[in-house]
N, C-alpha and C. Protein backbone atom coordinates (compact mmCIF):
# COMPACT_ATOMS: atom_id res chain seq x y z
N MET A 1 7.41 -5.02 0.98
CA MET A 1 6.67 -3.99 0.27
C MET A 1 6.47 -2.81 1.20
N THR A 2 6.41 -1.65 0.61
CA THR A 2 6.16 -0.43 1.35
C THR A 2 4.95 0.26 0.76
N CYS A 3 4.04 0.70 1.60
CA CYS A 3 2.85 1.39 1.13
C CYS A 3 3.14 2.89 1.01
N VAL A 4 2.90 3.43 -0.17
CA VAL A 4 2.97 4.87 -0.41
C VAL A 4 1.53 5.28 -0.68
N LEU A 5 0.81 5.51 0.39
CA LEU A 5 -0.65 5.64 0.32
C LEU A 5 -1.13 6.82 -0.52
N ASN A 6 -1.97 6.49 -1.46
CA ASN A 6 -2.77 7.46 -2.20
C ASN A 6 -4.19 6.93 -2.08
N PRO A 7 -5.02 7.51 -1.21
CA PRO A 7 -6.36 6.97 -0.99
C PRO A 7 -7.19 6.82 -2.26
N ALA A 8 -6.93 7.65 -3.25
CA ALA A 8 -7.71 7.60 -4.49
C ALA A 8 -7.45 6.33 -5.29
N THR A 9 -6.27 5.72 -5.13
CA THR A 9 -5.94 4.54 -5.91
C THR A 9 -5.70 3.29 -5.06
N ALA A 10 -5.91 3.40 -3.76
CA ALA A 10 -5.65 2.27 -2.86
C ALA A 10 -6.56 1.09 -3.16
N ALA A 11 -5.98 -0.09 -3.17
CA ALA A 11 -6.74 -1.32 -3.39
C ALA A 11 -7.25 -1.89 -2.07
N CYS A 12 -6.68 -1.44 -0.96
CA CYS A 12 -7.07 -1.95 0.35
C CYS A 12 -8.22 -1.13 0.94
N GLN A 13 -8.70 -1.61 2.07
CA GLN A 13 -9.67 -0.84 2.84
C GLN A 13 -8.92 0.26 3.56
N LEU A 14 -9.56 1.39 3.74
CA LEU A 14 -8.94 2.50 4.43
C LEU A 14 -9.50 2.63 5.84
N ARG A 15 -8.67 3.10 6.74
CA ARG A 15 -9.11 3.40 8.10
C ARG A 15 -9.30 4.90 8.17
N GLY A 16 -10.53 5.33 8.16
CA GLY A 16 -10.85 6.76 8.12
C GLY A 16 -11.38 7.12 6.74
N ALA A 17 -11.85 8.34 6.60
CA ALA A 17 -12.40 8.80 5.32
C ALA A 17 -11.26 9.17 4.38
N ALA A 18 -11.46 8.96 3.08
CA ALA A 18 -10.42 9.23 2.09
C ALA A 18 -9.97 10.69 2.10
N ASP A 19 -10.87 11.60 2.48
CA ASP A 19 -10.50 13.02 2.49
C ASP A 19 -9.92 13.48 3.84
N ASP A 20 -9.79 12.56 4.79
CA ASP A 20 -9.22 12.86 6.10
C ASP A 20 -7.69 12.81 5.99
N PRO A 21 -6.98 13.86 6.39
CA PRO A 21 -5.52 13.83 6.28
C PRO A 21 -4.85 12.76 7.14
N MET A 22 -5.58 12.20 8.09
CA MET A 22 -5.03 11.17 8.96
C MET A 22 -5.44 9.76 8.51
N VAL A 23 -5.99 9.61 7.32
CA VAL A 23 -6.40 8.30 6.83
C VAL A 23 -5.18 7.38 6.74
N THR A 24 -5.38 6.12 7.05
CA THR A 24 -4.30 5.14 6.98
C THR A 24 -4.79 3.91 6.24
N PRO A 25 -3.88 3.15 5.64
CA PRO A 25 -4.28 1.91 4.98
C PRO A 25 -4.49 0.82 6.02
N ASP A 26 -5.36 -0.12 5.72
CA ASP A 26 -5.54 -1.29 6.55
C ASP A 26 -4.51 -2.31 6.08
N LEU A 27 -3.38 -2.38 6.75
CA LEU A 27 -2.29 -3.25 6.30
C LEU A 27 -2.64 -4.73 6.37
N ASP A 28 -3.69 -5.08 7.09
CA ASP A 28 -4.16 -6.47 7.10
C ASP A 28 -4.85 -6.82 5.79
N ASP A 29 -5.16 -5.81 4.99
CA ASP A 29 -5.86 -6.01 3.73
C ASP A 29 -4.97 -5.61 2.54
N CYS A 30 -3.65 -5.59 2.74
CA CYS A 30 -2.71 -5.21 1.69
C CYS A 30 -2.84 -6.18 0.51
N ARG A 31 -2.85 -5.63 -0.69
CA ARG A 31 -3.00 -6.45 -1.89
C ARG A 31 -1.77 -6.26 -2.79
N PRO A 32 -1.10 -7.34 -3.15
CA PRO A 32 0.16 -7.25 -3.89
C PRO A 32 0.11 -6.50 -5.22
N LYS A 33 -1.04 -6.39 -5.83
CA LYS A 33 -1.11 -5.67 -7.11
C LYS A 33 -1.58 -4.23 -6.95
N CYS A 34 -1.60 -3.72 -5.73
CA CYS A 34 -2.02 -2.35 -5.46
C CYS A 34 -1.03 -1.36 -6.10
N PRO A 35 -1.53 -0.32 -6.76
CA PRO A 35 -0.63 0.67 -7.37
C PRO A 35 0.12 1.52 -6.35
N ASN A 36 -0.21 1.44 -5.08
CA ASN A 36 0.46 2.23 -4.05
C ASN A 36 1.68 1.53 -3.46
N ILE A 37 1.99 0.35 -3.92
CA ILE A 37 3.11 -0.40 -3.36
C ILE A 37 4.42 0.00 -4.03
N ALA A 38 5.41 0.24 -3.19
CA ALA A 38 6.77 0.48 -3.67
C ALA A 38 7.63 -0.66 -3.14
N ARG A 39 8.54 -1.11 -3.96
CA ARG A 39 9.44 -2.18 -3.53
C ARG A 39 10.87 -1.66 -3.48
N THR A 40 11.57 -2.06 -2.45
CA THR A 40 12.98 -1.68 -2.31
C THR A 40 13.84 -2.67 -3.08
N ASP A 41 15.12 -2.38 -3.19
CA ASP A 41 16.04 -3.32 -3.85
C ASP A 41 15.99 -4.68 -3.18
N ARG A 42 15.91 -4.69 -1.86
CA ARG A 42 15.84 -5.95 -1.12
C ARG A 42 14.56 -6.71 -1.46
N ASP A 43 13.44 -5.98 -1.60
CA ASP A 43 12.18 -6.63 -1.98
C ASP A 43 12.30 -7.27 -3.36
N ILE A 44 12.93 -6.58 -4.29
CA ILE A 44 13.09 -7.10 -5.66
C ILE A 44 13.94 -8.36 -5.64
N GLU A 45 15.02 -8.38 -4.85
CA GLU A 45 15.86 -9.58 -4.75
C GLU A 45 15.03 -10.75 -4.24
N HIS A 46 14.19 -10.51 -3.25
CA HIS A 46 13.33 -11.57 -2.70
C HIS A 46 12.38 -12.09 -3.77
N VAL A 47 11.79 -11.22 -4.56
CA VAL A 47 10.86 -11.62 -5.62
C VAL A 47 11.61 -12.46 -6.67
N ARG A 48 12.81 -12.05 -7.00
CA ARG A 48 13.60 -12.80 -8.02
C ARG A 48 13.94 -14.20 -7.57
N GLN A 49 14.16 -14.37 -6.26
CA GLN A 49 14.50 -15.71 -5.75
C GLN A 49 13.29 -16.59 -5.82
């Protein structure tokens, strides 16, 4: 999975304030149903298996 961070819709905890341009996601708190997740073709193949 790849995070395409949008602080307004993130399901994880954020490191920094949402309005800070340097805000980052807490990848230790990544949630599979987060709307910010993008999957590559390889990720989709893994899910199908």
